mmCIF file of all heavy atoms, coordinates in Angstrom:
data_MODEL
# 
_entry.id   MODEL 
# 
loop_
_atom_site.group_PDB 
_atom_site.id 
_atom_site.type_symbol 
_atom_site.label_atom_id 
_atom_site.label_alt_id 
_atom_site.label_comp_id 
_atom_site.label_asym_id 
_atom_site.label_entity_id 
_atom_site.label_seq_id 
_atom_site.pdbx_PDB_ins_code 
_atom_site.Cartn_x 
_atom_site.Cartn_y 
_atom_site.Cartn_z 
_atom_site.occupancy 
_atom_site.B_iso_or_equiv 
_atom_site.pdbx_formal_charge 
_atom_site.auth_seq_id 
_atom_site.auth_comp_id 
_atom_site.auth_asym_id 
_atom_site.auth_atom_id 
_atom_site.pdbx_PDB_model_num 
ATOM 1   N N   . ALA A 1 1  ? 216.154 1.401   15.350 1.00 0.00 ? 1  ALA A N   1 
ATOM 2   C CA  . ALA A 1 1  ? 215.544 0.268   15.918 1.00 0.00 ? 1  ALA A CA  1 
ATOM 3   C C   . ALA A 1 1  ? 216.161 -1.013  15.585 1.00 0.00 ? 1  ALA A C   1 
ATOM 4   O O   . ALA A 1 1  ? 216.326 -1.980  16.479 1.00 0.00 ? 1  ALA A O   1 
ATOM 5   C CB  . ALA A 1 1  ? 214.019 0.240   15.441 1.00 0.00 ? 1  ALA A CB  1 
ATOM 6   N N   . THR A 1 2  ? 216.633 -1.132  14.352 1.00 0.00 ? 2  THR A N   1 
ATOM 7   C CA  . THR A 1 2  ? 217.421 -2.324  13.982 1.00 0.00 ? 2  THR A CA  1 
ATOM 8   C C   . THR A 1 2  ? 218.705 -2.445  14.761 1.00 0.00 ? 2  THR A C   1 
ATOM 9   O O   . THR A 1 2  ? 219.000 -3.586  15.241 1.00 0.00 ? 2  THR A O   1 
ATOM 10  C CB  . THR A 1 2  ? 217.891 -2.215  12.394 1.00 0.00 ? 2  THR A CB  1 
ATOM 11  O OG1 . THR A 1 2  ? 216.616 -2.119  11.636 1.00 0.00 ? 2  THR A OG1 1 
ATOM 12  C CG2 . THR A 1 2  ? 218.564 -3.394  12.016 1.00 0.00 ? 2  THR A CG2 1 
ATOM 13  N N   . VAL A 1 3  ? 219.424 -1.364  14.917 1.00 0.00 ? 3  VAL A N   1 
ATOM 14  C CA  . VAL A 1 3  ? 220.668 -1.407  15.730 1.00 0.00 ? 3  VAL A CA  1 
ATOM 15  C C   . VAL A 1 3  ? 220.309 -1.909  17.194 1.00 0.00 ? 3  VAL A C   1 
ATOM 16  O O   . VAL A 1 3  ? 221.023 -2.756  17.785 1.00 0.00 ? 3  VAL A O   1 
ATOM 17  C CB  . VAL A 1 3  ? 221.396 -0.068  15.781 1.00 0.00 ? 3  VAL A CB  1 
ATOM 18  C CG1 . VAL A 1 3  ? 222.383 0.039   16.843 1.00 0.00 ? 3  VAL A CG1 1 
ATOM 19  C CG2 . VAL A 1 3  ? 221.985 0.199   14.437 1.00 0.00 ? 3  VAL A CG2 1 
ATOM 20  N N   . LEU A 1 4  ? 219.283 -1.231  17.824 1.00 0.00 ? 4  LEU A N   1 
ATOM 21  C CA  . LEU A 1 4  ? 218.968 -1.573  19.253 1.00 0.00 ? 4  LEU A CA  1 
ATOM 22  C C   . LEU A 1 4  ? 218.509 -3.020  19.298 1.00 0.00 ? 4  LEU A C   1 
ATOM 23  O O   . LEU A 1 4  ? 218.930 -3.710  20.250 1.00 0.00 ? 4  LEU A O   1 
ATOM 24  C CB  . LEU A 1 4  ? 217.807 -0.682  19.652 1.00 0.00 ? 4  LEU A CB  1 
ATOM 25  C CG  . LEU A 1 4  ? 218.212 0.760   19.937 1.00 0.00 ? 4  LEU A CG  1 
ATOM 26  C CD1 . LEU A 1 4  ? 217.035 1.609   20.429 1.00 0.00 ? 4  LEU A CD1 1 
ATOM 27  C CD2 . LEU A 1 4  ? 219.374 0.878   20.931 1.00 0.00 ? 4  LEU A CD2 1 
ATOM 28  N N   . ALA A 1 5  ? 217.755 -3.502  18.383 1.00 0.00 ? 5  ALA A N   1 
ATOM 29  C CA  . ALA A 1 5  ? 217.287 -4.915  18.388 1.00 0.00 ? 5  ALA A CA  1 
ATOM 30  C C   . ALA A 1 5  ? 218.418 -5.899  18.264 1.00 0.00 ? 5  ALA A C   1 
ATOM 31  O O   . ALA A 1 5  ? 218.443 -6.942  18.942 1.00 0.00 ? 5  ALA A O   1 
ATOM 32  C CB  . ALA A 1 5  ? 216.281 -5.153  17.358 1.00 0.00 ? 5  ALA A CB  1 
ATOM 33  N N   . SER A 1 6  ? 219.425 -5.550  17.476 1.00 0.00 ? 6  SER A N   1 
ATOM 34  C CA  . SER A 1 6  ? 220.579 -6.387  17.224 1.00 0.00 ? 6  SER A CA  1 
ATOM 35  C C   . SER A 1 6  ? 221.454 -6.569  18.481 1.00 0.00 ? 6  SER A C   1 
ATOM 36  O O   . SER A 1 6  ? 222.108 -7.480  18.662 1.00 0.00 ? 6  SER A O   1 
ATOM 37  C CB  . SER A 1 6  ? 221.452 -5.928  16.091 1.00 0.00 ? 6  SER A CB  1 
ATOM 38  O OG  . SER A 1 6  ? 222.169 -4.740  16.484 1.00 0.00 ? 6  SER A OG  1 
ATOM 39  N N   . LEU A 1 7  ? 221.362 -5.504  19.402 1.00 0.00 ? 7  LEU A N   1 
ATOM 40  C CA  . LEU A 1 7  ? 222.195 -5.532  20.607 1.00 0.00 ? 7  LEU A CA  1 
ATOM 41  C C   . LEU A 1 7  ? 221.873 -6.734  21.555 1.00 0.00 ? 7  LEU A C   1 
ATOM 42  O O   . LEU A 1 7  ? 222.736 -7.194  22.352 1.00 0.00 ? 7  LEU A O   1 
ATOM 43  C CB  . LEU A 1 7  ? 222.154 -4.264  21.299 1.00 0.00 ? 7  LEU A CB  1 
ATOM 44  C CG  . LEU A 1 7  ? 222.662 -3.053  20.624 1.00 0.00 ? 7  LEU A CG  1 
ATOM 45  C CD1 . LEU A 1 7  ? 222.639 -1.719  21.468 1.00 0.00 ? 7  LEU A CD1 1 
ATOM 46  C CD2 . LEU A 1 7  ? 224.116 -3.210  20.073 1.00 0.00 ? 7  LEU A CD2 1 
ATOM 47  N N   . GLY A 1 8  ? 220.627 -7.205  21.391 1.00 0.00 ? 8  GLY A N   1 
ATOM 48  C CA  . GLY A 1 8  ? 220.290 -8.373  22.231 1.00 0.00 ? 8  GLY A CA  1 
ATOM 49  C C   . GLY A 1 8  ? 221.024 -9.607  21.937 1.00 0.00 ? 8  GLY A C   1 
ATOM 50  O O   . GLY A 1 8  ? 221.194 -10.567 22.708 1.00 0.00 ? 8  GLY A O   1 
ATOM 51  N N   . SER A 1 9  ? 221.631 -9.660  20.718 1.00 0.00 ? 9  SER A N   1 
ATOM 52  C CA  . SER A 1 9  ? 222.532 -10.725 20.353 1.00 0.00 ? 9  SER A CA  1 
ATOM 53  C C   . SER A 1 9  ? 223.961 -10.550 20.779 1.00 0.00 ? 9  SER A C   1 
ATOM 54  O O   . SER A 1 9  ? 224.812 -11.369 20.475 1.00 0.00 ? 9  SER A O   1 
ATOM 55  C CB  . SER A 1 9  ? 222.515 -10.949 18.837 1.00 0.00 ? 9  SER A CB  1 
ATOM 56  O OG  . SER A 1 9  ? 221.117 -11.254 18.423 1.00 0.00 ? 9  SER A OG  1 
ATOM 57  N N   . LYS A 1 10 ? 224.191 -9.450  21.440 1.00 0.00 ? 10 LYS A N   1 
ATOM 58  C CA  . LYS A 1 10 ? 225.558 -9.049  21.970 1.00 0.00 ? 10 LYS A CA  1 
ATOM 59  C C   . LYS A 1 10 ? 226.660 -9.205  20.807 1.00 0.00 ? 10 LYS A C   1 
ATOM 60  O O   . LYS A 1 10 ? 227.623 -9.974  21.012 1.00 0.00 ? 10 LYS A O   1 
ATOM 61  C CB  . LYS A 1 10 ? 226.007 -9.991  23.098 1.00 0.00 ? 10 LYS A CB  1 
ATOM 62  C CG  . LYS A 1 10 ? 224.926 -9.783  24.331 1.00 0.00 ? 10 LYS A CG  1 
ATOM 63  C CD  . LYS A 1 10 ? 225.388 -10.685 25.506 1.00 0.00 ? 10 LYS A CD  1 
ATOM 64  C CE  . LYS A 1 10 ? 224.445 -10.555 26.635 1.00 0.00 ? 10 LYS A CE  1 
ATOM 65  N NZ  . LYS A 1 10 ? 224.832 -11.278 27.895 1.00 0.00 ? 10 LYS A NZ  1 
ATOM 66  N N   . PRO A 1 11 ? 226.506 -8.458  19.770 1.00 0.00 ? 11 PRO A N   1 
ATOM 67  C CA  . PRO A 1 11 ? 227.401 -8.507  18.664 1.00 0.00 ? 11 PRO A CA  1 
ATOM 68  C C   . PRO A 1 11 ? 228.790 -7.935  19.142 1.00 0.00 ? 11 PRO A C   1 
ATOM 69  O O   . PRO A 1 11 ? 228.868 -7.104  20.022 1.00 0.00 ? 11 PRO A O   1 
ATOM 70  C CB  . PRO A 1 11 ? 226.794 -7.558  17.569 1.00 0.00 ? 11 PRO A CB  1 
ATOM 71  C CG  . PRO A 1 11 ? 225.958 -6.634  18.327 1.00 0.00 ? 11 PRO A CG  1 
ATOM 72  C CD  . PRO A 1 11 ? 225.446 -7.451  19.457 1.00 0.00 ? 11 PRO A CD  1 
ATOM 73  N N   . ASP A 1 12 ? 229.767 -8.342  18.513 1.00 0.00 ? 12 ASP A N   1 
ATOM 74  C CA  . ASP A 1 12 ? 231.172 -7.938  18.771 1.00 0.00 ? 12 ASP A CA  1 
ATOM 75  C C   . ASP A 1 12 ? 231.461 -6.614  18.014 1.00 0.00 ? 12 ASP A C   1 
ATOM 76  O O   . ASP A 1 12 ? 231.927 -6.519  16.918 1.00 0.00 ? 12 ASP A O   1 
ATOM 77  C CB  . ASP A 1 12 ? 232.217 -9.025  18.331 1.00 0.00 ? 12 ASP A CB  1 
ATOM 78  C CG  . ASP A 1 12 ? 233.639 -8.548  18.616 1.00 0.00 ? 12 ASP A CG  1 
ATOM 79  O OD1 . ASP A 1 12 ? 233.781 -7.614  19.484 1.00 0.00 ? 12 ASP A OD1 1 
ATOM 80  O OD2 . ASP A 1 12 ? 234.612 -9.191  18.074 1.00 0.00 ? 12 ASP A OD2 1 
ATOM 81  N N   . ILE A 1 13 ? 230.999 -5.471  18.674 1.00 0.00 ? 13 ILE A N   1 
ATOM 82  C CA  . ILE A 1 13 ? 231.057 -4.138  18.109 1.00 0.00 ? 13 ILE A CA  1 
ATOM 83  C C   . ILE A 1 13 ? 231.643 -3.236  19.157 1.00 0.00 ? 13 ILE A C   1 
ATOM 84  O O   . ILE A 1 13 ? 231.586 -3.527  20.329 1.00 0.00 ? 13 ILE A O   1 
ATOM 85  C CB  . ILE A 1 13 ? 229.835 -3.544  17.566 1.00 0.00 ? 13 ILE A CB  1 
ATOM 86  C CG1 . ILE A 1 13 ? 228.756 -3.534  18.623 1.00 0.00 ? 13 ILE A CG1 1 
ATOM 87  C CG2 . ILE A 1 13 ? 229.279 -4.450  16.371 1.00 0.00 ? 13 ILE A CG2 1 
ATOM 88  C CD1 . ILE A 1 13 ? 227.429 -2.829  18.241 1.00 0.00 ? 13 ILE A CD1 1 
ATOM 89  N N   . SER A 1 14 ? 232.275 -2.108  18.610 1.00 0.00 ? 14 SER A N   1 
ATOM 90  C CA  . SER A 1 14 ? 232.907 -1.101  19.479 1.00 0.00 ? 14 SER A CA  1 
ATOM 91  C C   . SER A 1 14 ? 231.900 -0.097  20.005 1.00 0.00 ? 14 SER A C   1 
ATOM 92  O O   . SER A 1 14 ? 232.134 0.539   20.991 1.00 0.00 ? 14 SER A O   1 
ATOM 93  C CB  . SER A 1 14 ? 234.068 -0.468  18.836 1.00 0.00 ? 14 SER A CB  1 
ATOM 94  O OG  . SER A 1 14 ? 235.108 -1.409  18.385 1.00 0.00 ? 14 SER A OG  1 
ATOM 95  N N   . PHE A 1 15 ? 230.921 0.254   19.178 1.00 0.00 ? 15 PHE A N   1 
ATOM 96  C CA  . PHE A 1 15 ? 229.927 1.288   19.550 1.00 0.00 ? 15 PHE A CA  1 
ATOM 97  C C   . PHE A 1 15 ? 228.712 1.083   18.781 1.00 0.00 ? 15 PHE A C   1 
ATOM 98  O O   . PHE A 1 15 ? 228.694 0.397   17.805 1.00 0.00 ? 15 PHE A O   1 
ATOM 99  C CB  . PHE A 1 15 ? 230.538 2.681   19.305 1.00 0.00 ? 15 PHE A CB  1 
ATOM 100 C CG  . PHE A 1 15 ? 230.704 3.023   17.874 1.00 0.00 ? 15 PHE A CG  1 
ATOM 101 C CD1 . PHE A 1 15 ? 229.681 3.696   17.208 1.00 0.00 ? 15 PHE A CD1 1 
ATOM 102 C CD2 . PHE A 1 15 ? 231.890 2.754   17.184 1.00 0.00 ? 15 PHE A CD2 1 
ATOM 103 C CE1 . PHE A 1 15 ? 229.879 4.021   15.856 1.00 0.00 ? 15 PHE A CE1 1 
ATOM 104 C CE2 . PHE A 1 15 ? 232.066 3.130   15.903 1.00 0.00 ? 15 PHE A CE2 1 
ATOM 105 C CZ  . PHE A 1 15 ? 231.085 3.734   15.224 1.00 0.00 ? 15 PHE A CZ  1 
ATOM 106 N N   . ALA A 1 16 ? 227.617 1.737   19.261 1.00 0.00 ? 16 ALA A N   1 
ATOM 107 C CA  . ALA A 1 16 ? 226.291 1.635   18.538 1.00 0.00 ? 16 ALA A CA  1 
ATOM 108 C C   . ALA A 1 16 ? 225.672 3.034   18.640 1.00 0.00 ? 16 ALA A C   1 
ATOM 109 O O   . ALA A 1 16 ? 225.597 3.631   19.827 1.00 0.00 ? 16 ALA A O   1 
ATOM 110 C CB  . ALA A 1 16 ? 225.418 0.576   19.092 1.00 0.00 ? 16 ALA A CB  1 
ATOM 111 N N   . VAL A 1 17 ? 225.255 3.528   17.589 1.00 0.00 ? 17 VAL A N   1 
ATOM 112 C CA  . VAL A 1 17 ? 224.512 4.895   17.547 1.00 0.00 ? 17 VAL A CA  1 
ATOM 113 C C   . VAL A 1 17 ? 223.111 4.651   17.035 1.00 0.00 ? 17 VAL A C   1 
ATOM 114 O O   . VAL A 1 17 ? 222.888 4.120   16.058 1.00 0.00 ? 17 VAL A O   1 
ATOM 115 C CB  . VAL A 1 17 ? 225.238 5.910   16.670 1.00 0.00 ? 17 VAL A CB  1 
ATOM 116 C CG1 . VAL A 1 17 ? 224.421 7.183   16.605 1.00 0.00 ? 17 VAL A CG1 1 
ATOM 117 C CG2 . VAL A 1 17 ? 226.669 6.185   17.140 1.00 0.00 ? 17 VAL A CG2 1 
ATOM 118 N N   . ASP A 1 18 ? 222.137 5.124   17.869 1.00 0.00 ? 18 ASP A N   1 
ATOM 119 C CA  . ASP A 1 18 ? 220.657 5.017   17.518 1.00 0.00 ? 18 ASP A CA  1 
ATOM 120 C C   . ASP A 1 18 ? 220.174 6.429   17.390 1.00 0.00 ? 18 ASP A C   1 
ATOM 121 O O   . ASP A 1 18 ? 220.115 7.176   18.356 1.00 0.00 ? 18 ASP A O   1 
ATOM 122 C CB  . ASP A 1 18 ? 219.931 4.309   18.651 1.00 0.00 ? 18 ASP A CB  1 
ATOM 123 C CG  . ASP A 1 18 ? 218.430 4.606   18.424 1.00 0.00 ? 18 ASP A CG  1 
ATOM 124 O OD1 . ASP A 1 18 ? 217.924 4.692   17.345 1.00 0.00 ? 18 ASP A OD1 1 
ATOM 125 O OD2 . ASP A 1 18 ? 217.791 4.670   19.569 1.00 0.00 ? 18 ASP A OD2 1 
ATOM 126 N N   . ASP A 1 19 ? 219.896 6.807   16.117 1.00 0.00 ? 19 ASP A N   1 
ATOM 127 C CA  . ASP A 1 19 ? 219.368 8.151   15.813 1.00 0.00 ? 19 ASP A CA  1 
ATOM 128 C C   . ASP A 1 19 ? 217.875 8.012   15.623 1.00 0.00 ? 19 ASP A C   1 
ATOM 129 O O   . ASP A 1 19 ? 217.437 7.583   14.625 1.00 0.00 ? 19 ASP A O   1 
ATOM 130 C CB  . ASP A 1 19 ? 220.118 8.711   14.573 1.00 0.00 ? 19 ASP A CB  1 
ATOM 131 C CG  . ASP A 1 19 ? 219.548 10.145  14.273 1.00 0.00 ? 19 ASP A CG  1 
ATOM 132 O OD1 . ASP A 1 19 ? 218.699 10.582  14.892 1.00 0.00 ? 19 ASP A OD1 1 
ATOM 133 O OD2 . ASP A 1 19 ? 220.209 10.752  13.446 1.00 0.00 ? 19 ASP A OD2 1 
ATOM 134 N N   . CYS A 1 20 ? 217.112 8.430   16.601 1.00 0.00 ? 20 CYS A N   1 
ATOM 135 C CA  . CYS A 1 20 ? 215.662 8.476   16.564 1.00 0.00 ? 20 CYS A CA  1 
ATOM 136 C C   . CYS A 1 20 ? 215.013 7.138   16.289 1.00 0.00 ? 20 CYS A C   1 
ATOM 137 O O   . CYS A 1 20 ? 214.105 7.033   15.368 1.00 0.00 ? 20 CYS A O   1 
ATOM 138 C CB  . CYS A 1 20 ? 215.085 9.656   15.661 1.00 0.00 ? 20 CYS A CB  1 
ATOM 139 S SG  . CYS A 1 20 ? 215.544 9.499   13.951 1.00 0.00 ? 20 CYS A SG  1 
ATOM 140 N N   . GLY A 1 21 ? 215.540 6.075   16.792 1.00 0.00 ? 21 GLY A N   1 
ATOM 141 C CA  . GLY A 1 21 ? 214.866 4.700   16.649 1.00 0.00 ? 21 GLY A CA  1 
ATOM 142 C C   . GLY A 1 21 ? 213.501 4.784   17.320 1.00 0.00 ? 21 GLY A C   1 
ATOM 143 O O   . GLY A 1 21 ? 213.184 5.623   18.281 1.00 0.00 ? 21 GLY A O   1 
ATOM 144 N N   . PHE A 1 22 ? 212.668 3.826   17.029 1.00 0.00 ? 22 PHE A N   1 
ATOM 145 C CA  . PHE A 1 22 ? 211.328 3.695   17.626 1.00 0.00 ? 22 PHE A CA  1 
ATOM 146 C C   . PHE A 1 22 ? 211.406 3.558   19.137 1.00 0.00 ? 22 PHE A C   1 
ATOM 147 O O   . PHE A 1 22 ? 211.948 2.661   19.653 1.00 0.00 ? 22 PHE A O   1 
ATOM 148 C CB  . PHE A 1 22 ? 210.576 2.571   17.016 1.00 0.00 ? 22 PHE A CB  1 
ATOM 149 C CG  . PHE A 1 22 ? 210.586 2.506   15.508 1.00 0.00 ? 22 PHE A CG  1 
ATOM 150 C CD1 . PHE A 1 22 ? 210.761 1.300   14.821 1.00 0.00 ? 22 PHE A CD1 1 
ATOM 151 C CD2 . PHE A 1 22 ? 210.518 3.718   14.736 1.00 0.00 ? 22 PHE A CD2 1 
ATOM 152 C CE1 . PHE A 1 22 ? 210.944 1.278   13.449 1.00 0.00 ? 22 PHE A CE1 1 
ATOM 153 C CE2 . PHE A 1 22 ? 210.628 3.643   13.419 1.00 0.00 ? 22 PHE A CE2 1 
ATOM 154 C CZ  . PHE A 1 22 ? 210.796 2.466   12.727 1.00 0.00 ? 22 PHE A CZ  1 
ATOM 155 N N   . ALA A 1 23 ? 210.598 4.397   19.830 1.00 0.00 ? 23 ALA A N   1 
ATOM 156 C CA  . ALA A 1 23 ? 210.646 4.413   21.316 1.00 0.00 ? 23 ALA A CA  1 
ATOM 157 C C   . ALA A 1 23 ? 210.213 3.115   21.802 1.00 0.00 ? 23 ALA A C   1 
ATOM 158 O O   . ALA A 1 23 ? 210.697 2.583   22.904 1.00 0.00 ? 23 ALA A O   1 
ATOM 159 C CB  . ALA A 1 23 ? 209.793 5.559   21.836 1.00 0.00 ? 23 ALA A CB  1 
ATOM 160 N N   . THR A 1 24 ? 209.187 2.490   21.260 1.00 0.00 ? 24 THR A N   1 
ATOM 161 C CA  . THR A 1 24 ? 208.607 1.277   21.816 1.00 0.00 ? 24 THR A CA  1 
ATOM 162 C C   . THR A 1 24 ? 209.421 -0.006  21.722 1.00 0.00 ? 24 THR A C   1 
ATOM 163 O O   . THR A 1 24 ? 209.163 -1.084  22.216 1.00 0.00 ? 24 THR A O   1 
ATOM 164 C CB  . THR A 1 24 ? 207.208 1.005   21.281 1.00 0.00 ? 24 THR A CB  1 
ATOM 165 O OG1 . THR A 1 24 ? 207.373 0.946   19.815 1.00 0.00 ? 24 THR A OG1 1 
ATOM 166 C CG2 . THR A 1 24 ? 206.259 2.073   21.554 1.00 0.00 ? 24 THR A CG2 1 
ATOM 167 N N   . THR A 1 25 ? 210.559 0.203   20.916 1.00 0.00 ? 25 THR A N   1 
ATOM 168 C CA  . THR A 1 25 ? 211.416 -0.980  20.701 1.00 0.00 ? 25 THR A CA  1 
ATOM 169 C C   . THR A 1 25 ? 211.975 -1.492  22.093 1.00 0.00 ? 25 THR A C   1 
ATOM 170 O O   . THR A 1 25 ? 212.042 -2.636  22.414 1.00 0.00 ? 25 THR A O   1 
ATOM 171 C CB  . THR A 1 25 ? 212.585 -0.619  19.851 1.00 0.00 ? 25 THR A CB  1 
ATOM 172 O OG1 . THR A 1 25 ? 212.013 -0.267  18.588 1.00 0.00 ? 25 THR A OG1 1 
ATOM 173 C CG2 . THR A 1 25 ? 213.547 -1.827  19.634 1.00 0.00 ? 25 THR A CG2 1 
ATOM 174 N N   . VAL A 1 26 ? 212.329 -0.506  23.001 1.00 0.00 ? 26 VAL A N   1 
ATOM 175 C CA  . VAL A 1 26 ? 212.956 -0.917  24.266 1.00 0.00 ? 26 VAL A CA  1 
ATOM 176 C C   . VAL A 1 26 ? 212.377 -0.159  25.404 1.00 0.00 ? 26 VAL A C   1 
ATOM 177 O O   . VAL A 1 26 ? 212.827 -0.166  26.582 1.00 0.00 ? 26 VAL A O   1 
ATOM 178 C CB  . VAL A 1 26 ? 214.525 -0.519  24.271 1.00 0.00 ? 26 VAL A CB  1 
ATOM 179 C CG1 . VAL A 1 26 ? 215.159 -1.460  23.289 1.00 0.00 ? 26 VAL A CG1 1 
ATOM 180 C CG2 . VAL A 1 26 ? 214.754 0.896   23.947 1.00 0.00 ? 26 VAL A CG2 1 
ATOM 181 N N   . ALA A 1 27 ? 211.225 0.516   25.229 1.00 0.00 ? 27 ALA A N   1 
ATOM 182 C CA  . ALA A 1 27 ? 210.693 1.362   26.256 1.00 0.00 ? 27 ALA A CA  1 
ATOM 183 C C   . ALA A 1 27 ? 210.129 0.552   27.524 1.00 0.00 ? 27 ALA A C   1 
ATOM 184 O O   . ALA A 1 27 ? 210.038 1.145   28.532 1.00 0.00 ? 27 ALA A O   1 
ATOM 185 C CB  . ALA A 1 27 ? 209.577 2.224   25.636 1.00 0.00 ? 27 ALA A CB  1 
ATOM 186 N N   . LYS A 1 28 ? 209.779 -0.652  27.232 1.00 0.00 ? 28 LYS A N   1 
ATOM 187 C CA  . LYS A 1 28 ? 209.185 -1.470  28.277 1.00 0.00 ? 28 LYS A CA  1 
ATOM 188 C C   . LYS A 1 28 ? 210.193 -1.932  29.440 1.00 0.00 ? 28 LYS A C   1 
ATOM 189 O O   . LYS A 1 28 ? 209.869 -2.536  30.322 1.00 0.00 ? 28 LYS A O   1 
ATOM 190 C CB  . LYS A 1 28 ? 208.392 -2.639  27.725 1.00 0.00 ? 28 LYS A CB  1 
ATOM 191 C CG  . LYS A 1 28 ? 207.303 -2.256  26.921 1.00 0.00 ? 28 LYS A CG  1 
ATOM 192 C CD  . LYS A 1 28 ? 206.484 -3.426  26.313 1.00 0.00 ? 28 LYS A CD  1 
ATOM 193 C CE  . LYS A 1 28 ? 205.236 -3.028  25.519 1.00 0.00 ? 28 LYS A CE  1 
ATOM 194 N NZ  . LYS A 1 28 ? 204.523 -4.141  25.023 1.00 0.00 ? 28 LYS A NZ  1 
ATOM 195 N N   . GLN A 1 29 ? 211.493 -1.813  29.092 1.00 0.00 ? 29 GLN A N   1 
ATOM 196 C CA  . GLN A 1 29 ? 212.553 -2.149  30.089 1.00 0.00 ? 29 GLN A CA  1 
ATOM 197 C C   . GLN A 1 29 ? 213.777 -1.339  29.875 1.00 0.00 ? 29 GLN A C   1 
ATOM 198 O O   . GLN A 1 29 ? 213.930 -0.733  28.812 1.00 0.00 ? 29 GLN A O   1 
ATOM 199 C CB  . GLN A 1 29 ? 212.805 -3.717  29.921 1.00 0.00 ? 29 GLN A CB  1 
ATOM 200 C CG  . GLN A 1 29 ? 213.245 -4.039  28.526 1.00 0.00 ? 29 GLN A CG  1 
ATOM 201 C CD  . GLN A 1 29 ? 213.389 -5.569  28.386 1.00 0.00 ? 29 GLN A CD  1 
ATOM 202 O OE1 . GLN A 1 29 ? 213.849 -6.235  29.379 1.00 0.00 ? 29 GLN A OE1 1 
ATOM 203 N NE2 . GLN A 1 29 ? 213.073 -6.219  27.334 1.00 0.00 ? 29 GLN A NE2 1 
ATOM 204 N N   . PRO A 1 30 ? 214.549 -1.251  30.928 1.00 0.00 ? 30 PRO A N   1 
ATOM 205 C CA  . PRO A 1 30 ? 215.849 -0.423  30.768 1.00 0.00 ? 30 PRO A CA  1 
ATOM 206 C C   . PRO A 1 30 ? 216.679 -0.966  29.682 1.00 0.00 ? 30 PRO A C   1 
ATOM 207 O O   . PRO A 1 30 ? 216.750 -2.100  29.413 1.00 0.00 ? 30 PRO A O   1 
ATOM 208 C CB  . PRO A 1 30 ? 216.506 -0.652  32.086 1.00 0.00 ? 30 PRO A CB  1 
ATOM 209 C CG  . PRO A 1 30 ? 215.335 -0.924  33.075 1.00 0.00 ? 30 PRO A CG  1 
ATOM 210 C CD  . PRO A 1 30 ? 214.406 -1.784  32.284 1.00 0.00 ? 30 PRO A CD  1 
# 
């Protein structure tokens, strides 16, 4: 969930892996 939430800041990274993050973190929108 921390990784997914951080992507909103568009960090300069090459990849992101979310292993079983909380569904409701981003479930309300694509």
